[in-house]
Amino acid sequence: RKSRLDVVFLYPAYPSDHLNHCRLVVTEVANQSDVAIRPVQYVHWDDPIIWEALTSADGVLLIPSTESMPDHVTDRFIEKRNRLVVFDGDWSHHGIPSIRLFPCSHIEALFEYVYRLGHRRIDFLNSQGHNEEINRRVGQWQEWSLRRGVKGDIWDEPAPPFTDPTPFAYRLSKRLLDSWDHDNGPTALICSSQPAAVAAMRDQPYMRKVCA
């Protein structure tokens, strides 16, 4: 019944190129549909700004944080599911509409591409805080590598909630560089997210070969 909808775009309060890019893309698309997007950052699940948005805005687009969600918070989200959409996550099991940016088929296509290049010793690197999306990617990697007979280790050092994972990825990749057997180590590296991939592509001959 309104000529212009007011939608709050809620996302975790930490510096992230990915989050900023999502905000810009959503705002651009919304402008084409006569929807006003108001970006708002939150710092924890009980942040009053979340509940203010859910009760006052016409709708809410939410990017979930990696912080564990208490049951009472989950219940409140379910109560407001008629005005909530999860972006870059999957809460459909709660009856909440969700937009998953990276379907399983797309992720497996990446694994298969590396496999077709001839790699059979592949390690997996993650510095992102654990949430349903990251857990899904790790689980999918474990299932695929077992099915394909691929050998490799999982290097998983998640950043704390509301923390930029990039510095953690740099420290982890540096430690791996110092410890890997460069003659018998992995020939490829799969990264769970962009910050991990950027950190892994260090200016080192071995990493340039592995990440090619």
Protein backbone atom coordinates (compact mmCIF):
# COMPACT_ATOMS: atom_id res chain seq x y z
CA ARG A 1 0.00 0.00 0.00
CA LYS A 2 3.03 2.29 0.22
CA SER A 3 4.58 3.97 -2.79
CA ARG A 4 8.09 3.47 -1.40
CA LEU A 5 9.28 0.77 0.98
CA ASP A 6 11.80 1.40 3.75
CA VAL A 7 14.08 -1.61 4.27
CA VAL A 8 16.90 -1.89 6.80
CA PHE A 9 20.03 -3.72 5.68
CA LEU A 10 21.52 -5.20 8.87
CA TYR A 11 25.09 -6.48 8.82
CA PRO A 12 27.83 -7.20 11.41
CA ALA A 13 29.91 -4.26 12.61
CA TYR A 14 33.42 -5.05 11.44
CA PRO A 15 35.49 -3.91 8.43
CA SER A 16 34.87 -6.23 5.47
CA ASP A 17 35.13 -5.70 1.71
CA HIS A 18 32.58 -8.48 1.21
CA LEU A 19 29.99 -6.87 3.49
CA ASN A 20 30.51 -3.45 1.91
CA HIS A 21 30.14 -4.93 -1.57
CA CYS A 22 26.91 -6.69 -0.56
CA ARG A 23 25.55 -3.42 0.83
CA LEU A 24 26.35 -1.50 -2.35
CA VAL A 25 24.85 -4.14 -4.65
CA VAL A 26 21.66 -4.45 -2.60
CA THR A 27 21.26 -0.67 -2.49
CA GLU A 28 21.73 -0.37 -6.24
CA VAL A 29 19.13 -3.03 -7.00
CA ALA A 30 16.70 -1.61 -4.43
CA ASN A 31 16.88 1.83 -6.02
CA GLN A 32 15.66 0.32 -9.28
CA SER A 33 12.59 -1.03 -7.46
CA ASP A 34 11.72 2.15 -5.55
CA VAL A 35 12.90 0.67 -2.26
CA ALA A 36 14.87 2.77 0.22
CA ILE A 37 17.73 0.84 1.85
CA ARG A 38 19.06 2.02 5.21
CA PRO A 39 22.36 0.29 6.12
CA VAL A 40 22.69 -0.45 9.84
CA GLN A 41 25.43 -2.33 11.66
CA TYR A 42 24.88 -4.44 14.77
CA VAL A 43 27.45 -5.56 17.36
CA HIS A 44 25.76 -8.60 18.97
CA TRP A 45 22.53 -10.59 18.69
CA ASP A 46 20.83 -8.72 21.54
CA ASP A 47 21.68 -5.36 20.02
CA PRO A 48 18.53 -3.16 20.40
CA ILE A 49 19.04 -1.86 16.84
CA ILE A 50 18.00 -5.28 15.48
CA TRP A 51 14.66 -5.30 17.25
CA GLU A 52 14.01 -1.66 16.44
CA ALA A 53 14.48 -2.47 12.75
CA LEU A 54 12.25 -5.54 12.93
CA THR A 55 9.40 -3.57 14.50
CA SER A 56 9.65 -0.22 12.70
CA ALA A 57 10.91 -0.90 9.16
CA ASP A 58 8.82 -2.31 6.32
CA GLY A 59 11.33 -5.12 5.99
CA VAL A 60 14.79 -6.26 7.07
CA LEU A 61 17.61 -7.83 5.09
CA LEU A 62 19.99 -9.51 7.55
CA ILE A 63 23.52 -10.81 7.06
CA PRO A 64 24.13 -13.17 10.02
CA SER A 65 27.23 -12.83 12.14
CA THR A 66 29.40 -15.77 13.17
CA GLU A 67 28.45 -15.30 16.83
CA SER A 68 26.47 -18.19 18.29
CA MET A 69 22.79 -17.25 18.47
CA PRO A 70 20.89 -17.81 21.75
CA ASP A 71 17.59 -19.66 21.52
CA HIS A 72 15.55 -16.66 22.66
CA VAL A 73 16.99 -14.62 19.79
CA THR A 74 16.15 -17.34 17.29
CA ASP A 75 12.59 -17.41 18.59
CA ARG A 76 12.23 -13.65 18.13
CA PHE A 77 13.50 -13.85 14.56
CA ILE A 78 10.99 -16.60 13.80
CA GLU A 79 8.20 -14.42 15.20
CA LYS A 80 9.19 -11.67 12.74
CA ARG A 81 9.82 -13.92 9.73
CA ASN A 82 7.06 -12.18 7.76
CA ARG A 83 9.30 -9.10 7.47
CA LEU A 84 12.75 -10.70 7.48
CA VAL A 85 15.01 -12.06 4.73
CA VAL A 86 18.42 -13.57 5.45
CA PHE A 87 21.10 -12.56 2.96
CA ASP A 88 24.23 -14.67 2.39
CA GLY A 89 22.97 -17.44 4.66
CA ASP A 90 20.30 -20.09 4.96
CA TRP A 91 17.66 -19.95 7.69
CA SER A 92 15.01 -21.64 5.58
CA HIS A 93 14.77 -24.44 8.16
CA HIS A 94 13.31 -21.77 10.48
CA GLY A 95 10.76 -20.77 7.85
CA ILE A 96 12.71 -17.58 7.11
CA PRO A 97 13.24 -16.64 3.43
CA SER A 98 16.96 -16.85 2.62
CA ILE A 99 19.30 -15.84 -0.19
CA ARG A 100 22.29 -18.15 -0.44
CA LEU A 101 25.00 -16.54 -2.56
CA PHE A 102 27.03 -19.70 -3.10
CA PRO A 103 24.96 -22.84 -3.85
CA CYS A 104 26.56 -26.24 -3.26
CA SER A 105 26.78 -26.87 -7.00
CA HIS A 106 28.91 -23.74 -7.47
CA ILE A 107 31.29 -24.71 -4.69
CA GLU A 108 31.69 -28.24 -6.01
CA ALA A 109 32.40 -26.81 -9.47
CA LEU A 110 35.44 -25.10 -7.95
CA PHE A 111 36.63 -28.36 -6.37
CA GLU A 112 36.18 -30.18 -9.67
CA TYR A 113 38.11 -27.51 -11.56
CA VAL A 114 41.14 -27.96 -9.30
CA TYR A 115 40.78 -31.75 -9.62
CA ARG A 116 40.74 -31.57 -13.43
CA LEU A 117 44.01 -29.65 -13.29
CA GLY A 118 45.54 -32.83 -11.89
CA HIS A 119 45.83 -31.95 -8.21
CA ARG A 120 45.44 -34.84 -5.76
CA ARG A 121 47.13 -33.35 -2.66
CA ILE A 122 44.97 -30.35 -1.75
CA ASP A 123 44.78 -28.52 1.58
CA PHE A 124 41.83 -26.47 2.83
CA LEU A 125 42.33 -23.09 4.54
CA ASN A 126 39.80 -21.19 6.68
CA SER A 127 40.11 -18.11 8.88
CA GLN A 128 36.43 -17.09 8.79
CA GLY A 129 34.40 -17.33 11.96
CA HIS A 130 32.21 -20.41 12.01
CA ASN A 131 28.58 -20.05 11.00
CA GLU A 132 26.18 -22.25 9.03
CA GLU A 133 27.68 -21.15 5.72
CA ILE A 134 31.31 -21.84 6.65
CA ASN A 135 30.38 -25.14 8.30
CA ARG A 136 28.57 -26.11 5.11
CA ARG A 137 31.65 -25.36 2.98
CA VAL A 138 33.96 -27.30 5.28
CA GLY A 139 31.55 -30.24 5.36
CA GLN A 140 31.15 -30.18 1.61
CA TRP A 141 34.93 -30.19 1.20
CA GLN A 142 35.29 -33.18 3.52
CA GLU A 143 32.60 -35.12 1.69
CA TRP A 144 33.94 -34.29 -1.78
CA SER A 145 37.61 -35.00 -0.99
CA LEU A 146 36.66 -38.38 0.50
CA ARG A 147 34.56 -39.24 -2.55
CA ARG A 148 37.33 -38.20 -4.93
CA GLY A 149 40.14 -39.81 -2.95
CA VAL A 150 41.91 -36.48 -2.51
CA LYS A 151 44.47 -36.23 0.29
CA GLY A 152 45.02 -33.08 2.28
CA ASP A 153 44.74 -31.29 5.61
CA ILE A 154 42.21 -28.78 6.87
CA TRP A 155 43.76 -25.67 8.42
CA ASP A 156 40.99 -24.02 10.41
CA GLU A 157 41.66 -21.04 12.67
CA PRO A 158 38.43 -19.02 12.78
CA ALA A 159 38.48 -15.37 13.73
CA PRO A 160 36.34 -14.35 16.73
CA PRO A 161 32.87 -12.91 15.99
CA PHE A 162 32.80 -9.32 14.66
CA THR A 163 36.49 -9.53 13.81
CA ASP A 164 38.14 -9.11 10.42
CA PRO A 165 39.38 -12.58 9.40
CA THR A 166 42.10 -11.22 7.08
CA PRO A 167 44.90 -10.78 9.70
CA PHE A 168 44.18 -14.27 11.04
CA ALA A 169 44.49 -15.66 7.52
CA TYR A 170 47.83 -13.90 6.99
CA ARG A 171 49.28 -15.30 10.19
CA LEU A 172 48.03 -18.79 9.38
CA SER A 173 49.36 -18.77 5.82
CA LYS A 174 52.76 -17.50 7.02
CA ARG A 175 52.97 -20.30 9.55
CA LEU A 176 52.07 -22.85 6.88
CA LEU A 177 54.77 -21.47 4.60
CA ASP A 178 57.33 -21.99 7.33
CA SER A 179 56.20 -25.55 8.10
CA TRP A 180 55.26 -27.08 4.74
CA ASP A 181 57.55 -29.51 2.98
CA HIS A 182 57.85 -27.60 -0.30
CA ASP A 183 58.83 -30.75 -2.17
CA ASN A 184 56.11 -33.04 -0.84
CA GLY A 185 53.49 -30.60 0.38
CA PRO A 186 50.12 -29.80 -1.19
CA THR A 187 50.04 -28.86 -4.85
CA ALA A 188 46.86 -26.80 -4.46
CA LEU A 189 45.02 -24.88 -1.76
CA ILE A 190 41.27 -24.38 -1.44
CA CYS A 191 40.22 -21.35 0.63
CA SER A 192 36.85 -20.98 2.31
CA SER A 193 36.54 -17.25 1.66
CA GLN A 194 38.11 -14.30 -0.10
CA PRO A 195 40.16 -13.05 2.91
CA ALA A 196 41.79 -16.48 3.24
CA ALA A 197 42.54 -16.59 -0.49
CA VAL A 198 44.06 -13.10 -0.52
CA ALA A 199 46.24 -13.93 2.47
CA ALA A 200 47.36 -17.22 0.92
CA MET A 201 48.52 -15.61 -2.33
CA ARG A 202 51.59 -14.16 -0.70
CA ASP A 203 54.61 -13.04 -2.62
CA GLN A 204 56.33 -16.40 -2.23
CA PRO A 205 57.30 -18.72 -5.12
CA TYR A 206 55.77 -21.80 -3.46
CA MET A 207 52.45 -20.13 -2.66
CA ARG A 208 52.24 -18.65 -6.14
CA LYS A 209 52.60 -22.18 -7.52
CA VAL A 210 50.09 -23.71 -5.10
CA CYS A 211 47.47 -21.00 -5.53
CA ALA A 212 47.73 -20.81 -9.32
